[in-house]
N, C-alpha and C. Protein backbone atom coordinates (compact mmCIF):
# COMPACT_ATOMS: atom_id res chain seq x y z
N UNK A 1 -57.01 24.88 -231.22
CA UNK A 1 -56.09 25.14 -230.17
C UNK A 1 -56.59 25.13 -228.83
N UNK A 2 -57.63 24.90 -229.28
CA UNK A 2 -58.33 25.67 -226.98
C UNK A 2 -57.45 24.10 -226.56
N UNK A 3 -57.10 24.90 -225.05
CA UNK A 3 -56.36 23.96 -224.15
C UNK A 3 -56.35 23.97 -222.54
N UNK A 4 -55.87 23.01 -222.10
CA UNK A 4 -56.30 23.18 -220.70
C UNK A 4 -54.55 22.29 -220.03
N UNK A 5 -54.06 22.70 -219.36
CA UNK A 5 -53.40 21.69 -219.05
C UNK A 5 -53.83 20.25 -218.23
N UNK A 6 -55.13 20.21 -217.49
CA UNK A 6 -55.44 18.88 -216.78
C UNK A 6 -56.59 19.19 -218.01
N UNK A 7 -57.61 17.54 -217.41
CA UNK A 7 -58.72 17.39 -217.86
C UNK A 7 -59.82 16.99 -216.60
N UNK A 8 -60.12 18.32 -216.38
CA UNK A 8 -61.14 18.22 -214.80
C UNK A 8 -62.45 17.87 -215.57
N UNK A 9 -63.39 17.78 -214.64
CA UNK A 9 -65.22 17.66 -215.12
C UNK A 9 -65.69 17.77 -216.84
N UNK A 10 -65.10 19.04 -216.49
CA UNK A 10 -65.45 20.17 -217.82
C UNK A 10 -65.13 19.45 -218.57
N UNK A 11 -63.57 19.26 -219.00
CA UNK A 11 -62.76 19.34 -220.13
C UNK A 11 -63.41 18.25 -219.95
N UNK A 12 -63.66 16.82 -219.48
CA UNK A 12 -63.59 15.69 -220.24
C UNK A 12 -65.08 15.44 -220.49
N UNK A 13 -66.03 16.60 -220.04
CA UNK A 13 -67.57 16.70 -220.47
C UNK A 13 -67.88 17.09 -221.97
N UNK A 14 -66.94 18.18 -222.00
CA UNK A 14 -66.83 18.91 -223.07
C UNK A 14 -66.34 18.37 -223.92
N UNK A 15 -64.81 17.56 -224.15
CA UNK A 15 -64.45 16.61 -225.16
C UNK A 15 -65.36 15.44 -225.41
N UNK A 16 -66.23 14.85 -224.10
CA UNK A 16 -67.00 13.90 -224.74
C UNK A 16 -68.41 14.14 -225.48
N UNK A 17 -69.13 15.67 -224.82
CA UNK A 17 -69.93 16.03 -225.66
C UNK A 17 -69.55 16.37 -227.55
N UNK A 18 -68.43 17.19 -227.49
CA UNK A 18 -68.09 17.38 -228.91
C UNK A 18 -67.97 16.41 -229.83
N UNK A 19 -67.27 15.12 -229.28
CA UNK A 19 -66.82 13.87 -229.85
C UNK A 19 -68.12 13.76 -230.36
N UNK A 20 -68.83 13.17 -229.19
CA UNK A 20 -70.50 13.01 -229.77
C UNK A 20 -71.00 13.54 -231.01
N UNK A 21 -71.28 14.81 -230.89
CA UNK A 21 -71.61 16.34 -231.96
C UNK A 21 -70.48 15.73 -233.18
N UNK A 22 -69.47 15.70 -233.56
CA UNK A 22 -68.59 15.77 -234.40
C UNK A 22 -68.74 14.27 -235.12
N UNK A 23 -69.00 13.50 -234.39
CA UNK A 23 -69.39 11.91 -234.49
C UNK A 23 -70.18 11.98 -235.53
N UNK A 24 -71.72 12.30 -234.95
CA UNK A 24 -73.07 12.70 -235.43
C UNK A 24 -72.68 13.22 -236.72
N UNK A 25 -72.23 14.12 -237.03
CA UNK A 25 -72.13 14.81 -237.95
C UNK A 25 -71.32 14.09 -239.19
N UNK A 26 -70.41 13.24 -238.64
CA UNK A 26 -69.43 12.37 -239.65
C UNK A 26 -67.71 13.51 -239.89
N UNK A 27 -67.66 13.66 -238.45
CA UNK A 27 -66.49 14.79 -237.90
C UNK A 27 -65.47 14.11 -237.99
N UNK A 28 -64.52 14.84 -237.73
CA UNK A 28 -63.15 14.31 -236.74
C UNK A 28 -62.84 15.46 -235.88
N UNK A 29 -62.38 15.11 -234.86
CA UNK A 29 -61.82 16.76 -234.35
C UNK A 29 -60.67 15.98 -234.07
N UNK A 30 -59.70 17.47 -234.78
CA UNK A 30 -58.48 17.27 -234.80
C UNK A 30 -57.86 18.35 -233.51
N UNK A 31 -56.95 18.48 -232.82
CA UNK A 31 -56.64 19.06 -232.09
C UNK A 31 -55.49 19.29 -231.53
N UNK A 32 -54.95 20.78 -231.64
CA UNK A 32 -53.20 20.50 -230.73
C UNK A 32 -52.86 20.02 -230.04
N UNK A 33 -52.02 19.54 -229.75
CA UNK A 33 -51.72 18.96 -228.01
C UNK A 33 -50.59 19.47 -227.02
N UNK A 34 -50.33 21.29 -227.62
CA UNK A 34 -49.75 22.25 -226.49
C UNK A 34 -48.86 22.33 -226.69
N UNK A 35 -48.51 23.49 -226.24
CA UNK A 35 -46.74 23.90 -226.24
C UNK A 35 -45.65 24.28 -225.67
N UNK A 36 -46.45 23.34 -223.96
CA UNK A 36 -45.68 23.74 -222.64
C UNK A 36 -44.13 22.47 -222.59
N UNK A 37 -44.27 21.41 -223.60
CA UNK A 37 -43.09 20.48 -223.62
C UNK A 37 -43.96 19.36 -222.87
N UNK A 38 -44.70 19.27 -222.80
CA UNK A 38 -45.05 18.60 -221.59
C UNK A 38 -45.57 17.44 -221.82
N UNK A 39 -47.03 17.26 -220.50
CA UNK A 39 -48.13 16.35 -221.03
C UNK A 39 -48.92 16.92 -221.83
N UNK A 40 -50.15 16.15 -222.62
CA UNK A 40 -51.13 17.00 -223.69
C UNK A 40 -51.81 17.29 -222.93
N UNK A 41 -52.74 18.59 -223.15
CA UNK A 41 -53.35 18.84 -222.84
C UNK A 41 -55.21 18.55 -222.95
N UNK A 42 -55.80 18.76 -222.09
CA UNK A 42 -57.33 18.59 -222.99
C UNK A 42 -57.74 19.53 -223.57
N UNK A 43 -58.23 19.45 -224.72
CA UNK A 43 -59.04 18.27 -224.67
C UNK A 43 -58.43 17.34 -225.92
N UNK A 44 -57.29 17.80 -225.97
CA UNK A 44 -56.53 16.98 -227.33
C UNK A 44 -56.04 15.57 -226.61
N UNK A 45 -55.70 15.76 -225.42
CA UNK A 45 -55.82 14.10 -224.42
C UNK A 45 -57.26 13.15 -224.58
N UNK A 46 -57.73 13.75 -224.63
CA UNK A 46 -59.00 13.09 -224.72
C UNK A 46 -58.91 11.60 -225.91
N UNK A 47 -59.53 10.80 -226.09
CA UNK A 47 -58.80 9.59 -226.51
C UNK A 47 -59.69 9.74 -228.21
N UNK A 48 -60.92 10.52 -227.87
CA UNK A 48 -62.01 10.53 -229.34
C UNK A 48 -61.50 11.69 -230.06
N UNK A 49 -59.74 12.47 -229.76
CA UNK A 49 -59.84 13.43 -230.62
C UNK A 49 -58.51 13.03 -231.33
N UNK A 50 -57.62 13.18 -232.57
CA UNK A 50 -56.64 13.60 -233.17
C UNK A 50 -56.15 14.42 -232.46
N UNK A 51 -54.72 13.86 -231.54
CA UNK A 51 -54.11 14.94 -231.03
C UNK A 51 -52.88 15.15 -232.37
N UNK A 52 -51.97 16.04 -232.60
CA UNK A 52 -51.19 16.67 -233.07
C UNK A 52 -50.15 17.46 -231.99
N UNK A 53 -48.73 16.55 -232.50
CA UNK A 53 -47.74 17.33 -231.61
C UNK A 53 -46.81 18.15 -233.27
N UNK A 54 -45.51 18.67 -232.18
CA UNK A 54 -45.03 19.62 -233.48
C UNK A 54 -43.59 18.86 -234.00
N UNK A 55 -43.00 18.48 -235.76
CA UNK A 55 -41.44 18.33 -235.05
C UNK A 55 -40.75 19.33 -235.71
N UNK A 56 -39.81 19.26 -235.80
CA UNK A 56 -39.43 20.54 -236.88
C UNK A 56 -38.39 20.34 -237.97
N UNK A 57 -37.65 20.93 -238.71
CA UNK A 57 -37.21 20.86 -240.15
C UNK A 57 -36.72 19.22 -240.27
N UNK A 58 -36.10 18.97 -239.47
CA UNK A 58 -35.08 17.94 -239.23
C UNK A 58 -35.83 16.83 -239.04
N UNK A 59 -36.93 17.02 -238.67
CA UNK A 59 -38.66 15.79 -237.94
C UNK A 59 -38.04 15.32 -237.16
N UNK A 60 -37.28 16.29 -235.96
CA UNK A 60 -37.24 16.19 -234.04
C UNK A 60 -38.60 16.46 -233.97
N UNK A 61 -39.30 16.16 -232.97
CA UNK A 61 -39.89 16.58 -232.15
C UNK A 61 -39.51 18.60 -231.55
N UNK A 62 -40.42 19.19 -232.06
CA UNK A 62 -40.22 20.33 -231.41
C UNK A 62 -40.27 20.37 -229.96
N UNK A 63 -38.94 21.15 -229.30
CA UNK A 63 -39.08 21.19 -228.02
C UNK A 63 -40.39 21.65 -226.98
N UNK A 64 -41.16 22.69 -227.49
CA UNK A 64 -42.21 23.30 -227.28
C UNK A 64 -43.30 22.42 -227.00
N UNK A 65 -43.38 20.98 -228.13
CA UNK A 65 -44.82 20.38 -228.47
C UNK A 65 -44.69 19.21 -226.89
N UNK A 66 -45.88 19.21 -227.12
CA UNK A 66 -46.48 18.44 -225.59
C UNK A 66 -46.25 17.03 -226.39
N UNK A 67 -45.87 15.93 -224.93
CA UNK A 67 -45.83 15.11 -225.34
C UNK A 67 -47.13 13.80 -224.80
N UNK A 68 -46.63 12.54 -225.41
CA UNK A 68 -47.64 11.21 -224.31
C UNK A 68 -48.14 9.95 -224.57
N UNK A 69 -48.44 9.28 -224.30
CA UNK A 69 -49.44 8.35 -224.49
C UNK A 69 -50.42 8.56 -225.53
N UNK A 70 -51.39 9.77 -225.80
CA UNK A 70 -52.24 10.55 -226.30
C UNK A 70 -51.81 11.24 -227.35
N UNK A 71 -50.78 11.68 -227.81
CA UNK A 71 -50.43 12.00 -228.74
C UNK A 71 -50.82 10.65 -229.78
N UNK A 72 -51.15 11.46 -231.15
CA UNK A 72 -51.17 10.36 -232.31
C UNK A 72 -50.51 11.02 -233.72
N UNK A 73 -50.22 12.02 -233.86
CA UNK A 73 -49.46 12.34 -235.25
C UNK A 73 -48.86 13.89 -234.83
N UNK A 74 -48.04 13.62 -235.65
CA UNK A 74 -46.92 15.29 -236.13
C UNK A 74 -47.22 15.38 -236.92
N UNK A 75 -47.23 16.87 -236.90
CA UNK A 75 -46.62 17.17 -238.19
C UNK A 75 -46.11 19.00 -238.13
N UNK A 76 -45.20 19.29 -239.69
CA UNK A 76 -44.15 20.10 -239.22
C UNK A 76 -45.45 21.22 -238.73
N UNK A 77 -44.31 22.30 -237.19
CA UNK A 77 -44.79 23.55 -236.61
C UNK A 77 -43.45 24.25 -236.53
N UNK A 78 -42.63 24.43 -236.72
CA UNK A 78 -42.00 25.41 -236.69
C UNK A 78 -41.64 25.82 -237.51
N UNK A 79 -41.44 27.41 -237.54
CA UNK A 79 -41.41 28.33 -238.60
C UNK A 79 -42.10 28.15 -240.02
N UNK A 80 -43.69 27.95 -239.84
CA UNK A 80 -44.56 27.58 -240.78
C UNK A 80 -44.75 29.44 -240.80
N UNK A 81 -44.72 29.78 -241.85
CA UNK A 81 -45.00 31.53 -242.76
C UNK A 81 -47.00 31.11 -242.39
N UNK A 82 -47.36 31.81 -241.95
CA UNK A 82 -48.56 31.98 -241.62
C UNK A 82 -49.53 33.52 -241.88
N UNK A 83 -50.41 33.59 -242.35
CA UNK A 83 -51.18 34.83 -242.54
C UNK A 83 -51.06 35.41 -240.79
N UNK A 84 -50.90 36.86 -240.22
CA UNK A 84 -50.64 37.38 -239.15
C UNK A 84 -51.46 38.76 -239.37
N UNK A 85 -52.66 39.13 -238.79
CA UNK A 85 -53.39 40.51 -238.27
C UNK A 85 -53.16 41.38 -239.19
N UNK A 86 -53.48 42.22 -240.04
CA UNK A 86 -53.36 43.27 -240.52
C UNK A 86 -53.62 44.72 -239.03
N UNK A 87 -54.31 44.05 -238.39
CA UNK A 87 -54.54 45.22 -237.44
C UNK A 87 -53.40 45.17 -236.10
N UNK A 88 -54.13 45.93 -235.04
CA UNK A 88 -53.11 46.79 -233.81
C UNK A 88 -53.55 44.85 -232.75
N UNK A 89 -52.29 44.02 -232.86
CA UNK A 89 -52.52 43.03 -231.98
C UNK A 89 -51.26 42.81 -230.76
N UNK A 90 -51.66 42.08 -229.31
CA UNK A 90 -49.93 42.41 -228.96
C UNK A 90 -48.73 41.59 -229.33
N UNK A 91 -48.67 40.77 -230.14
CA UNK A 91 -47.97 40.49 -231.43
C UNK A 91 -46.90 41.43 -231.34
N UNK A 92 -47.67 42.03 -232.77
CA UNK A 92 -47.78 43.52 -233.45
C UNK A 92 -46.52 43.86 -232.57
N UNK A 93 -46.80 44.58 -231.34
CA UNK A 93 -45.90 44.96 -230.37
C UNK A 93 -44.66 44.42 -230.26
N UNK A 94 -44.58 43.03 -230.23
CA UNK A 94 -43.41 42.72 -230.45
C UNK A 94 -42.52 42.87 -231.42
N UNK A 95 -42.84 43.41 -232.58
CA UNK A 95 -42.64 43.80 -233.59
C UNK A 95 -42.52 42.58 -235.24
N UNK A 96 -43.80 42.14 -234.40
CA UNK A 96 -43.78 40.78 -235.67
C UNK A 96 -44.62 41.92 -236.94
N UNK A 97 -44.52 41.13 -238.04
CA UNK A 97 -44.93 41.82 -239.28
C UNK A 97 -46.54 41.67 -239.72
N UNK A 98 -46.77 43.42 -240.19
CA UNK A 98 -48.54 42.45 -240.75
C UNK A 98 -48.50 41.56 -241.75
N UNK A 99 -49.78 41.12 -241.69
CA UNK A 99 -50.18 40.23 -243.33
C UNK A 99 -49.13 38.51 -242.70
N UNK A 100 -48.07 38.76 -242.70
CA UNK A 100 -47.22 37.46 -242.99
C UNK A 100 -46.48 37.37 -241.36
N UNK A 101 -46.36 36.38 -241.20
CA UNK A 101 -45.03 36.03 -239.85
C UNK A 101 -44.62 34.87 -239.16
N UNK A 102 -43.87 34.44 -239.26
CA UNK A 102 -43.29 33.03 -239.47
C UNK A 102 -44.00 32.21 -238.30
N UNK A 103 -44.75 31.93 -237.87
CA UNK A 103 -44.91 31.37 -236.14
C UNK A 103 -44.66 29.46 -235.96
N UNK A 104 -44.29 29.66 -234.56
CA UNK A 104 -44.66 27.81 -234.10
C UNK A 104 -45.26 27.63 -233.22
N UNK A 105 -45.56 25.92 -233.30
CA UNK A 105 -46.79 25.63 -232.50
C UNK A 105 -47.13 24.82 -232.91
N UNK A 106 -47.79 23.82 -231.63
CA UNK A 106 -49.06 22.74 -232.44
C UNK A 106 -49.97 23.23 -233.19
N UNK A 107 -50.35 24.73 -232.82
CA UNK A 107 -51.30 25.21 -234.00
C UNK A 107 -50.85 25.45 -234.82
N UNK A 108 -49.85 25.22 -235.49
CA UNK A 108 -49.56 25.59 -236.50
C UNK A 108 -49.55 24.18 -237.42
N UNK A 109 -49.09 23.06 -236.60
CA UNK A 109 -49.31 21.56 -237.42
C UNK A 109 -50.32 21.45 -237.55
N UNK A 110 -51.48 21.64 -236.54
CA UNK A 110 -52.91 21.11 -236.66
C UNK A 110 -52.81 21.49 -237.65
N UNK A 111 -53.76 22.20 -238.39
CA UNK A 111 -53.90 22.81 -239.93
C UNK A 111 -53.73 21.61 -240.81
N UNK A 112 -52.17 21.54 -240.83
CA UNK A 112 -51.70 20.00 -242.08
C UNK A 112 -52.49 18.72 -241.71
N UNK A 113 -52.75 18.35 -240.68
CA UNK A 113 -53.41 17.60 -240.64
C UNK A 113 -55.10 17.31 -240.68
N UNK A 114 -55.32 18.83 -240.61
CA UNK A 114 -57.52 18.94 -241.16
C UNK A 114 -57.17 18.78 -241.94
N UNK A 115 -56.18 19.37 -243.05
CA UNK A 115 -55.72 19.92 -245.04
C UNK A 115 -55.79 18.39 -245.48
N UNK A 116 -55.44 17.07 -244.78
CA UNK A 116 -54.75 16.25 -245.12
C UNK A 116 -56.40 15.26 -244.75
N UNK A 117 -56.86 15.27 -243.59
CA UNK A 117 -58.44 14.67 -243.42
C UNK A 117 -59.37 15.79 -244.32
N UNK A 118 -59.33 16.82 -244.93
CA UNK A 118 -60.33 17.14 -246.15
C UNK A 118 -60.12 16.33 -246.73
N UNK A 119 -58.57 16.35 -247.50
CA UNK A 119 -58.61 15.26 -248.96
C UNK A 119 -58.49 14.14 -249.22
N UNK A 120 -58.74 13.72 -247.84
CA UNK A 120 -59.26 11.80 -247.65
C UNK A 120 -60.88 12.10 -248.14
N UNK A 121 -61.83 12.69 -247.15
CA UNK A 121 -62.81 12.80 -247.65
C UNK A 121 -63.54 13.26 -248.44
N UNK A 122 -62.37 14.61 -249.73
CA UNK A 122 -62.17 14.44 -250.78
C UNK A 122 -62.41 14.23 -251.83
N UNK A 123 -61.79 12.49 -251.77
CA UNK A 123 -61.56 11.87 -252.36
C UNK A 123 -62.75 10.39 -252.17
N UNK A 124 -63.24 10.57 -251.29
CA UNK A 124 -64.38 9.19 -250.18
C UNK A 124 -65.31 9.54 -249.60
N UNK A 125 -65.76 10.98 -250.03
CA UNK A 125 -66.94 11.48 -248.69
C UNK A 125 -67.82 10.74 -248.12
N UNK A 126 -67.80 9.55 -247.91
CA UNK A 126 -68.57 8.00 -247.38
C UNK A 126 -67.57 7.67 -246.45
N UNK A 127 -66.61 7.65 -246.44
CA UNK A 127 -65.58 7.78 -244.63
C UNK A 127 -66.12 8.02 -243.82
N UNK A 128 -66.06 7.45 -243.22
CA UNK A 128 -66.39 7.97 -241.70
C UNK A 128 -65.13 7.91 -241.12
N UNK A 129 -65.30 8.98 -239.94
CA UNK A 129 -64.54 9.75 -239.33
C UNK A 129 -63.01 8.42 -239.21
N UNK A 130 -63.61 7.88 -238.29
CA UNK A 130 -62.57 6.31 -237.62
C UNK A 130 -61.83 6.05 -239.24
N UNK A 131 -62.69 5.53 -239.81
CA UNK A 131 -61.80 5.55 -241.67
C UNK A 131 -60.19 6.34 -241.42
N UNK A 132 -60.71 7.51 -241.48
CA UNK A 132 -59.82 8.76 -241.69
C UNK A 132 -59.07 8.44 -240.85
N UNK A 133 -59.36 9.12 -239.60
CA UNK A 133 -58.24 8.53 -238.04
C UNK A 133 -57.38 7.89 -238.88
N UNK A 134 -58.01 6.70 -238.78
CA UNK A 134 -56.93 5.61 -239.13
C UNK A 134 -56.31 5.63 -240.43
N UNK A 135 -56.52 6.25 -241.19
CA UNK A 135 -55.62 6.06 -242.68
C UNK A 135 -54.36 7.62 -242.06
N UNK A 136 -54.88 8.00 -241.96
CA UNK A 136 -53.41 9.44 -241.06
C UNK A 136 -52.72 8.25 -240.11
N UNK A 137 -53.18 7.82 -239.56
CA UNK A 137 -52.33 6.93 -237.99
C UNK A 137 -51.31 6.10 -238.97
N UNK A 138 -52.51 5.28 -239.59
CA UNK A 138 -51.63 3.88 -240.41
C UNK A 138 -50.54 4.73 -241.90
N UNK A 139 -50.29 5.71 -242.11
CA UNK A 139 -49.51 5.58 -243.47
C UNK A 139 -48.79 6.52 -242.89
N UNK A 140 -48.73 7.05 -241.40
CA UNK A 140 -48.16 8.18 -240.93
C UNK A 140 -46.17 7.82 -240.73
N UNK A 141 -45.06 8.42 -241.55
CA UNK A 141 -44.17 7.93 -241.53
C UNK A 141 -43.79 7.82 -239.66
N UNK A 142 -42.89 6.64 -240.12
CA UNK A 142 -43.05 6.20 -238.06
C UNK A 142 -41.35 7.22 -238.24
N UNK A 143 -41.06 7.99 -236.63
CA UNK A 143 -39.97 8.66 -235.81
C UNK A 143 -39.83 8.43 -235.20
N UNK A 144 -38.58 7.97 -234.66
CA UNK A 144 -38.25 8.21 -232.62
C UNK A 144 -38.14 6.57 -232.98
N UNK A 145 -38.69 5.69 -231.77
CA UNK A 145 -38.97 4.32 -231.17
C UNK A 145 -39.89 4.06 -232.48
N UNK A 146 -39.50 2.62 -232.93
CA UNK A 146 -40.15 1.73 -233.79
C UNK A 146 -41.63 1.08 -233.02
N UNK A 147 -42.52 1.72 -233.88
CA UNK A 147 -43.84 1.60 -233.34
C UNK A 147 -44.66 3.24 -232.72
N UNK A 148 -45.30 3.15 -232.06
CA UNK A 148 -46.02 4.34 -231.99
C UNK A 148 -45.01 4.70 -230.21
N UNK A 149 -45.13 5.88 -230.41
CA UNK A 149 -44.24 6.53 -229.28
C UNK A 149 -44.81 7.41 -228.20
N UNK A 150 -44.45 8.50 -227.50
CA UNK A 150 -44.63 9.49 -226.73
C UNK A 150 -44.17 10.83 -227.03
N UNK A 151 -43.14 10.50 -228.05
CA UNK A 151 -42.98 11.73 -228.92
C UNK A 151 -43.19 12.21 -230.03
N UNK A 152 -43.88 11.06 -231.18
CA UNK A 152 -44.16 11.38 -232.70
C UNK A 152 -45.40 10.69 -232.10
N UNK A 153 -46.26 9.85 -231.55
CA UNK A 153 -46.95 9.18 -231.56
C UNK A 153 -47.23 8.42 -232.75
N UNK A 154 -48.08 7.87 -233.54
CA UNK A 154 -47.89 7.21 -234.79
C UNK A 154 -46.73 7.59 -236.05
N UNK A 155 -46.31 8.93 -235.61
CA UNK A 155 -45.27 9.45 -237.06
C UNK A 155 -46.29 10.77 -238.15
N UNK A 156 -44.72 10.86 -238.26
CA UNK A 156 -45.24 12.82 -239.36
C UNK A 156 -46.47 11.95 -240.25
N UNK A 157 -47.24 12.50 -240.23
CA UNK A 157 -48.05 12.31 -241.31
C UNK A 157 -47.28 12.90 -242.55
N UNK A 158 -48.13 11.84 -243.59
CA UNK A 158 -47.46 11.11 -244.95
C UNK A 158 -48.52 11.69 -245.53
N UNK A 159 -49.21 12.97 -246.19
CA UNK A 159 -50.45 13.08 -247.28
C UNK A 159 -50.08 12.03 -248.55
N UNK A 160 -48.80 12.64 -249.07
CA UNK A 160 -48.45 11.45 -250.31
C UNK A 160 -48.90 10.39 -250.32
N UNK A 161 -48.63 9.23 -249.61
CA UNK A 161 -49.17 8.39 -249.15
C UNK A 161 -50.81 8.09 -249.06
N UNK A 162 -50.83 8.72 -247.80
CA UNK A 162 -52.18 8.60 -247.18
C UNK A 162 -53.30 8.41 -248.61
N UNK A 163 -53.10 9.64 -249.54
CA UNK A 163 -54.28 9.75 -250.68
C UNK A 163 -53.55 9.10 -251.84
N UNK A 164 -52.63 8.17 -252.09
CA UNK A 164 -52.21 7.56 -252.89
C UNK A 164 -53.15 5.72 -251.93
N UNK A 165 -53.13 5.70 -250.93
CA UNK A 165 -54.25 4.32 -250.80
C UNK A 165 -55.73 4.78 -250.98
N UNK A 166 -55.76 5.99 -250.69
CA UNK A 166 -57.81 5.92 -250.34
C UNK A 166 -57.96 5.99 -251.74
N UNK A 167 -57.06 6.76 -252.82
CA UNK A 167 -57.15 6.87 -254.67
C UNK A 167 -57.26 4.72 -254.88
N UNK A 168 -55.97 4.59 -254.26
CA UNK A 168 -56.48 3.04 -254.67
C UNK A 168 -57.81 2.15 -254.46
N UNK A 169 -58.03 2.71 -252.93
CA UNK A 169 -59.12 1.73 -252.64
C UNK A 169 -60.81 2.11 -253.33
N UNK A 170 -60.48 3.35 -253.39
CA UNK A 170 -62.04 4.37 -254.88
C UNK A 170 -61.76 3.74 -255.17
N UNK A 171 -60.78 3.54 -256.49
CA UNK A 171 -60.99 2.97 -257.54
C UNK A 171 -60.77 1.32 -257.30
N UNK A 172 -60.60 0.78 -256.14
CA UNK A 172 -61.19 -0.75 -256.13
C UNK A 172 -62.31 -0.96 -256.26
N UNK A 173 -63.17 0.11 -254.68
CA UNK A 173 -64.19 0.22 -254.82
C UNK A 173 -65.88 0.47 -256.04
N UNK A 174 -64.86 1.04 -257.20
CA UNK A 174 -65.49 1.21 -258.16
C UNK A 174 -65.46 0.46 -259.14
N UNK A 175 -64.00 -0.68 -259.33
CA UNK A 175 -64.52 -1.47 -260.29
C UNK A 175 -65.51 -2.83 -259.60
N UNK A 176 -65.41 -2.94 -258.23
CA UNK A 176 -66.72 -4.18 -257.92
C UNK A 176 -68.16 -3.71 -258.03
N UNK A 177 -68.34 -2.18 -258.15
CA UNK A 177 -69.62 -1.84 -258.34
C UNK A 177 -69.21 -1.51 -259.80
N UNK A 178 -68.69 -1.26 -260.63
CA UNK A 178 -69.00 -1.94 -261.98
C UNK A 178 -68.99 -3.55 -262.37
N UNK A 179 -68.71 -4.29 -261.81
CA UNK A 179 -69.39 -5.83 -261.59
C UNK A 179 -70.27 -6.17 -261.49
N UNK A 180 -70.83 -5.60 -260.30
CA UNK A 180 -72.01 -6.06 -259.61
C UNK A 180 -73.09 -5.40 -260.11
C-alpha cells in the first residue's frame, strides 16, 4: 500500500530495485492502485508491479479507486471486514470498533490478489512470477469495455478459474513426466 502520486526518480528507482529483488527471489509484487479516484500512483504504476484497483459489491469500479492504463486487475475493496487494532489509534477516535471493522480501499482489494498468487504457487511452486501474473490477468472476468481498459484493467480476479486452469496444467505436466 506504499504510494506516491507521482513517479519521481526516487519512486522509479525504488520500483525498479524492488522488482529486480523480488524477481530474483521468485516473487511478484502486487500493489494497491491508490484511493484518490485519480491516476494510479507509484510504485503501483510501475509496469513491473501488478496493480490492483477496487470494485464494489455490484462489480463497479469504486469511486475512490485510482484508474488508468497502468491498472492490471481489480478485486472487491468496498465494505471488507478486516481485523482492526485493539489499541488506541486515530481511527478508533472516529468511533470504529476494536478487533474488526468494515473498511474500503485498494488496500483491501490487494490482499485478495496476493492470496490468489499464493494459492497458484501452492499448486505449482515452479511457476515463475510472470506466469503467476499472466494466470491472474488472463483468467480475470472482463468488466466494463471489452478487453483491457483503464477502469478495470484485465478485469476482476477469478480465483476459481485461475486455480482450475492451474490444476489442469499441473495434471497435464504430471502425465507428461509419467510418460517420460
